């Protein structure tokens, strides 16, 4: 029988002083109530009640047991109320993982506006350029690139779309010239993410079709902010997130290249462990992120950036 139900019934029998009263209070038959107490006494190996035809009283063991389990049941009720309240009201530590550069550039304001609305939530943000295991690392929410997702243990919802910009410093262009076709990159020094980050060959598309290239590497780094620094120094040509280099292109310290071609777009998503009941803090943060990027993306798009400076949109990689 249900052990917890038996304990609750035991307390009711002690309070009412009868099996009948306790059975009525818990909407069960007297026979079922009697079996619950007999089962509980069997598990404990002791009698809890002295029974006569006219009177029911607690044994010494029953009195000790009653005092302790009554306190335990009260604490259990408190815990259940607290957990249910947490599911109704956002509260507690919210563990978030995000790619380093994306997090540095785009999450501070989103987190600020969220905590202004839900001050009882404490964001615990981890910036990391690798795929995280949401369950093993106890991550509540992760910002991910579509192709980083694997397995079926996570649910993901779209935040925004991204792509990359090919660019170089004016000093590099003066020394080496400006490529006008993706195939020309073979003759240039290129600043690249590792293959596991960029997904292999670069695939360019225009009205004439698709061109795949694997340019030679002058520098390889797993962080786009570092590659940006090399690009600004004139080390080579880089393929970088447009939100990262938007101001550089507006200032003219970086020049967009191959703007007649487009690289594939990728979706940036918010992922969370698959579960039937989300806590209020997770549910509200996911909704907040989706609304934030829909209403105030604050990220250069392919169209508005090209109009200003001829470069593309958002980010391709987790770095």
Protein backbone atom coordinates (compact mmCIF):
# COMPACT_ATOMS: atom_id res chain seq x y z
CA UNK A 1 0.00 0.00 0.00
CA UNK A 2 1.00 3.66 -0.36
CA UNK A 3 3.33 4.24 2.61
CA UNK A 4 2.81 8.02 2.68
CA UNK A 5 -0.96 7.55 2.52
CA UNK A 6 -0.71 5.11 5.43
CA UNK A 7 1.21 7.70 7.49
CA UNK A 8 -1.35 10.40 6.73
CA UNK A 9 -4.15 8.03 7.70
CA UNK A 10 -2.35 7.14 10.94
CA UNK A 11 -2.29 10.83 11.92
CA UNK A 12 -6.00 11.15 11.07
CA UNK A 13 -6.88 8.09 13.17
CA UNK A 14 -4.92 9.54 16.10
CA UNK A 15 -6.65 12.92 15.70
CA UNK A 16 -10.19 11.47 15.39
CA UNK A 17 -9.65 8.67 17.88
CA UNK A 18 -11.40 6.24 15.55
CA UNK A 19 -10.96 4.43 12.26
CA UNK A 20 -14.42 5.47 11.08
CA UNK A 21 -13.81 9.19 11.53
CA UNK A 22 -10.43 9.03 9.80
CA UNK A 23 -11.85 6.94 6.95
CA UNK A 24 -14.67 9.44 6.37
CA UNK A 25 -12.23 12.36 6.43
CA UNK A 26 -10.04 10.70 3.77
CA UNK A 27 -13.00 9.40 1.75
CA UNK A 28 -12.13 5.72 2.06
CA UNK A 29 -13.87 2.75 3.67
CA UNK A 30 -13.23 1.70 7.27
CA UNK A 31 -11.88 -1.63 6.01
CA UNK A 32 -9.30 0.11 3.80
CA UNK A 33 -8.31 2.35 6.71
CA UNK A 34 -7.81 -0.70 8.92
CA UNK A 35 -5.61 -2.37 6.28
CA UNK A 36 -3.48 0.79 5.95
CA UNK A 37 -2.75 0.85 9.70
CA UNK A 38 -2.10 -2.88 9.83
CA UNK A 39 0.33 -2.56 6.92
CA UNK A 40 2.10 0.37 8.59
CA UNK A 41 2.42 -1.54 11.87
CA UNK A 42 3.77 -4.51 9.92
CA UNK A 43 6.47 -2.37 8.28
CA UNK A 44 7.45 -0.80 11.61
CA UNK A 45 7.29 -4.09 13.51
CA UNK A 46 5.30 -2.58 16.36
CA UNK A 47 1.73 -1.76 17.38
CA UNK A 48 0.76 1.88 17.09
CA UNK A 49 -2.71 1.66 18.69
CA UNK A 50 -4.21 -0.16 21.61
CA UNK A 51 -7.61 -1.40 20.45
CA UNK A 52 -10.61 -2.39 22.56
CA UNK A 53 -14.23 -2.69 21.55
CA UNK A 54 -14.95 0.71 23.08
CA UNK A 55 -11.69 2.64 22.88
CA UNK A 56 -8.69 3.38 20.61
CA UNK A 57 -5.51 4.82 22.09
CA UNK A 58 -1.91 5.30 21.03
CA UNK A 59 0.79 3.00 22.31
CA UNK A 60 4.01 4.51 23.60
CA UNK A 61 5.66 3.80 20.23
CA UNK A 62 2.61 5.25 18.50
CA UNK A 63 2.90 8.48 20.48
CA UNK A 64 6.58 8.89 19.56
CA UNK A 65 5.83 8.07 15.93
CA UNK A 66 2.94 10.55 15.83
CA UNK A 67 5.05 13.45 17.10
CA UNK A 68 7.75 12.88 14.47
CA UNK A 69 5.58 12.12 11.44
CA UNK A 70 3.25 15.04 12.16
CA UNK A 71 6.26 17.36 11.93
CA UNK A 72 7.48 15.61 8.77
CA UNK A 73 4.06 15.95 7.11
CA UNK A 74 3.96 19.66 8.00
CA UNK A 75 7.40 20.14 6.45
CA UNK A 76 6.34 18.15 3.39
CA UNK A 77 3.30 20.40 2.97
CA UNK A 78 5.58 23.45 3.23
CA UNK A 79 7.94 22.04 0.58
CA UNK A 80 5.05 21.23 -1.77
CA UNK A 81 3.63 24.73 -1.37
CA UNK A 82 7.08 26.23 -1.99
CA UNK A 83 7.63 24.15 -5.15
CA UNK A 84 4.19 24.98 -6.50
CA UNK A 85 4.82 28.66 -5.75
CA UNK A 86 8.13 28.51 -7.63
CA UNK A 87 6.29 27.13 -10.64
CA UNK A 88 3.84 30.02 -10.44
CA UNK A 89 6.34 32.78 -9.58
CA UNK A 90 9.79 33.15 -11.20
CA UNK A 91 12.34 32.79 -8.41
CA UNK A 92 15.78 31.27 -7.79
CA UNK A 93 19.02 30.81 -9.75
CA UNK A 94 18.62 30.59 -13.54
CA UNK A 95 21.59 28.79 -15.13
CA UNK A 96 22.25 30.02 -18.68
CA UNK A 97 24.90 28.98 -21.21
CA UNK A 98 25.75 30.94 -24.37
CA UNK A 99 28.51 31.28 -26.98
CA UNK A 100 31.19 33.70 -25.78
CA UNK A 101 31.00 36.48 -28.36
CA UNK A 102 27.24 36.25 -28.79
CA UNK A 103 26.81 36.49 -25.04
CA UNK A 104 29.19 39.44 -24.70
CA UNK A 105 27.53 41.35 -27.52
CA UNK A 106 23.85 40.53 -27.09
CA UNK A 107 22.79 39.16 -23.71
CA UNK A 108 23.54 41.85 -21.12
CA UNK A 109 20.56 44.04 -22.02
CA UNK A 110 18.26 41.05 -22.43
CA UNK A 111 19.20 39.81 -18.95
CA UNK A 112 18.92 43.30 -17.48
CA UNK A 113 15.38 43.81 -18.75
CA UNK A 114 14.40 40.33 -17.56
CA UNK A 115 15.68 40.83 -14.01
CA UNK A 116 14.00 44.23 -13.86
CA UNK A 117 10.73 42.43 -14.43
CA UNK A 118 11.53 39.37 -12.28
CA UNK A 119 13.86 40.57 -9.49
CA UNK A 120 13.65 37.27 -7.56
CA UNK A 121 15.53 35.45 -10.35
CA UNK A 122 19.34 35.43 -10.23
CA UNK A 123 20.94 34.78 -13.65
CA UNK A 124 24.03 32.53 -13.55
CA UNK A 125 25.56 33.03 -17.02
CA UNK A 126 28.29 30.78 -18.44
CA UNK A 127 29.92 31.81 -21.73
CA UNK A 128 31.50 28.82 -23.46
CA UNK A 129 32.43 27.97 -27.05
CA UNK A 130 31.38 24.33 -27.07
CA UNK A 131 28.24 22.27 -27.07
CA UNK A 132 26.92 21.90 -23.54
CA UNK A 133 25.11 18.95 -22.00
CA UNK A 134 22.05 20.64 -20.53
CA UNK A 135 21.13 17.81 -18.18
CA UNK A 136 24.60 16.74 -17.00
CA UNK A 137 25.73 20.36 -16.47
CA UNK A 138 22.42 21.41 -14.90
CA UNK A 139 21.86 24.18 -17.45
CA UNK A 140 18.34 25.60 -17.46
CA UNK A 141 18.61 27.46 -20.78
CA UNK A 142 21.26 27.58 -23.52
CA UNK A 143 21.69 29.80 -26.57
CA UNK A 144 22.78 27.56 -29.43
CA UNK A 145 23.49 27.53 -33.14
CA UNK A 146 21.16 25.20 -35.07
CA UNK A 147 23.84 22.79 -36.21
CA UNK A 148 25.20 22.52 -32.65
CA UNK A 149 22.07 20.71 -31.56
CA UNK A 150 22.34 16.93 -31.20
CA UNK A 151 20.25 14.17 -29.70
CA UNK A 152 16.64 14.42 -28.60
CA UNK A 153 17.01 15.43 -24.96
CA UNK A 154 16.55 19.15 -25.63
CA UNK A 155 13.79 21.35 -26.96
CA UNK A 156 14.74 24.44 -29.02
CA UNK A 157 12.87 27.55 -30.11
CA UNK A 158 14.05 30.08 -32.68
CA UNK A 159 15.40 33.46 -31.58
CA UNK A 160 16.86 34.99 -34.75
CA UNK A 161 18.64 34.22 -38.02
CA UNK A 162 22.31 34.77 -38.72
CA UNK A 163 25.04 34.71 -41.33
CA UNK A 164 28.59 35.92 -41.82
CA UNK A 165 30.49 38.78 -43.46
CA UNK A 166 33.69 38.45 -45.46
CA UNK A 167 35.91 41.41 -44.60
CA UNK A 168 39.46 42.75 -44.43
CA UNK A 169 41.30 45.87 -43.30
CA UNK A 170 42.07 48.59 -45.90
CA UNK A 171 45.80 48.00 -45.32
CA UNK A 172 45.48 44.35 -46.29
CA UNK A 173 43.49 45.22 -49.44
CA UNK A 174 46.13 47.78 -50.45
CA UNK A 175 48.85 45.11 -50.22
CA UNK A 176 47.00 42.11 -51.66
CA UNK A 177 44.04 43.46 -53.62
CA UNK A 178 40.32 42.79 -53.26
CA UNK A 179 38.86 39.39 -54.25
CA UNK A 180 35.85 39.65 -56.56
CA UNK A 181 35.03 35.93 -56.68
CA UNK A 182 35.07 33.34 -53.84
CA UNK A 183 37.63 31.32 -55.77
CA UNK A 184 40.08 34.21 -55.43
CA UNK A 185 40.32 33.48 -51.69
CA UNK A 186 42.75 30.66 -52.51
CA UNK A 187 45.34 33.33 -53.25
CA UNK A 188 44.79 35.24 -49.99
CA UNK A 189 45.73 34.89 -46.35
CA UNK A 190 42.60 33.85 -44.49
CA UNK A 191 41.69 34.06 -40.82
CA UNK A 192 39.55 31.07 -39.95
CA UNK A 193 37.60 29.28 -37.27
CA UNK A 194 38.44 25.58 -36.80
CA UNK A 195 36.57 23.17 -39.07
CA UNK A 196 34.42 21.92 -36.19
CA UNK A 197 33.23 25.52 -35.70
CA UNK A 198 32.67 26.63 -39.27
CA UNK A 199 31.46 23.29 -40.64
CA UNK A 200 34.04 22.73 -43.39
CA UNK A 201 34.13 24.49 -46.76
CA UNK A 202 32.62 27.94 -47.21
CA UNK A 203 29.59 27.88 -49.52
CA UNK A 204 28.85 31.10 -51.44
CA UNK A 205 25.70 31.66 -53.49
CA UNK A 206 24.66 34.28 -56.04
CA UNK A 207 22.41 34.42 -59.11
CA UNK A 208 24.87 32.31 -61.09
CA UNK A 209 24.84 29.43 -58.58
CA UNK A 210 26.85 28.07 -55.69
CA UNK A 211 30.60 28.06 -55.17
CA UNK A 212 32.39 26.04 -52.48
CA UNK A 213 35.85 27.07 -51.38
CA UNK A 214 38.31 25.98 -48.71
CA UNK A 215 40.70 28.93 -48.44
CA UNK A 216 44.20 28.50 -46.99
CA UNK A 217 44.61 29.46 -43.35
CA UNK A 218 47.01 32.13 -42.17
CA UNK A 219 45.55 32.06 -38.64
CA UNK A 220 43.13 29.64 -36.96
CA UNK A 221 41.34 30.61 -33.74
CA UNK A 222 38.23 29.33 -31.99
CA UNK A 223 37.00 32.81 -31.10
CA UNK A 224 35.67 35.39 -33.57
CA UNK A 225 36.71 38.32 -31.36
CA UNK A 226 40.34 37.22 -31.72
CA UNK A 227 39.95 36.83 -35.48
CA UNK A 228 38.52 40.36 -35.59
CA UNK A 229 41.68 41.68 -33.94
CA UNK A 230 43.84 39.94 -36.56
CA UNK A 231 41.62 41.35 -39.32
CA UNK A 232 41.94 44.90 -37.95
CA UNK A 233 45.74 44.49 -37.90
CA UNK A 234 45.66 43.63 -41.61
CA UNK A 235 46.76 40.02 -41.13
CA UNK A 236 44.26 38.61 -43.61
CA UNK A 237 40.66 38.15 -44.77
CA UNK A 238 38.15 37.01 -42.16
CA UNK A 239 34.58 35.71 -42.15
CA UNK A 240 33.01 37.27 -39.07
CA UNK A 241 29.59 37.85 -37.46
CA UNK A 242 28.16 41.09 -38.77
CA UNK A 243 26.97 42.23 -35.34
CA UNK A 244 30.59 41.97 -34.17
CA UNK A 245 32.08 44.10 -36.97
CA UNK A 246 29.16 46.43 -37.68
CA UNK A 247 30.86 49.47 -36.17
CA UNK A 248 34.22 48.57 -37.73
CA UNK A 249 32.67 48.68 -41.19
CA UNK A 250 30.82 51.92 -40.46
CA UNK A 251 34.15 53.46 -39.38
CA UNK A 252 35.95 52.03 -42.39
CA UNK A 253 38.48 50.07 -40.34
CA UNK A 254 37.16 46.91 -42.01
CA UNK A 255 35.87 46.64 -45.59
CA UNK A 256 33.14 44.14 -46.65
CA UNK A 257 34.15 41.81 -49.47
CA UNK A 258 32.26 39.57 -51.92
CA UNK A 259 29.01 41.37 -51.09
CA UNK A 260 27.45 40.03 -54.31
CA UNK A 261 27.57 36.57 -52.72
CA UNK A 262 25.77 35.20 -49.69
CA UNK A 263 26.83 32.61 -47.17
CA UNK A 264 24.21 30.19 -45.75
CA UNK A 265 22.08 31.51 -42.93
CA UNK A 266 21.78 29.80 -39.58
CA UNK A 267 19.21 30.00 -36.84
CA UNK A 268 20.12 31.04 -33.32
CA UNK A 269 17.90 29.17 -30.87
CA UNK A 270 17.16 28.96 -27.18
CA UNK A 271 17.34 25.38 -25.94
CA UNK A 272 16.22 23.80 -22.69
CA UNK A 273 15.96 20.22 -21.35
CA UNK A 274 12.85 18.41 -22.50
CA UNK A 275 10.44 18.14 -19.59
CA UNK A 276 6.69 18.23 -19.13
CA UNK A 277 6.64 20.96 -16.49
CA UNK A 278 8.91 23.98 -16.86
CA UNK A 279 9.61 26.14 -13.84
CA UNK A 280 8.28 29.68 -13.98
CA UNK A 281 11.81 31.14 -14.21
CA UNK A 282 12.66 29.03 -17.28
CA UNK A 283 9.30 29.54 -18.97
CA UNK A 284 9.31 33.31 -18.50
CA UNK A 285 12.96 33.68 -19.56
CA UNK A 286 12.38 31.76 -22.79
CA UNK A 287 9.35 33.90 -23.58
CA UNK A 288 11.32 37.03 -22.71
CA UNK A 289 14.21 36.13 -25.04
CA UNK A 290 11.89 35.37 -27.95
CA UNK A 291 10.05 38.68 -27.47
CA UNK A 292 13.31 40.59 -26.95
CA UNK A 293 14.89 39.45 -30.22
CA UNK A 294 11.60 39.85 -32.10
CA UNK A 295 10.90 43.39 -30.88
CA UNK A 296 14.36 44.80 -30.21
CA UNK A 297 16.87 42.63 -32.06
CA UNK A 298 19.61 45.28 -31.95
CA UNK A 299 21.55 43.19 -34.48
CA UNK A 300 22.55 44.26 -38.00
CA UNK A 301 20.58 42.52 -40.73
CA UNK A 302 21.72 41.69 -44.22
CA UNK A 303 19.66 44.46 -45.75
CA UNK A 304 20.21 47.42 -43.43
CA UNK A 305 23.94 46.79 -43.12
CA UNK A 306 24.49 46.45 -46.84
CA UNK A 307 22.70 49.76 -47.34
CA UNK A 308 25.10 51.41 -44.90
CA UNK A 309 28.32 49.51 -45.44
CA UNK A 310 27.83 46.50 -47.74
CA UNK A 311 27.98 43.67 -45.22
CA UNK A 312 25.82 40.78 -44.13
CA UNK A 313 23.89 39.60 -41.09
CA UNK A 314 24.32 38.20 -37.53
CA UNK A 315 26.50 35.22 -36.68
CA UNK A 316 27.43 31.82 -38.03
CA UNK A 317 29.44 30.36 -35.23
CA UNK A 318 29.31 29.84 -31.50
CA UNK A 319 32.64 31.65 -31.05
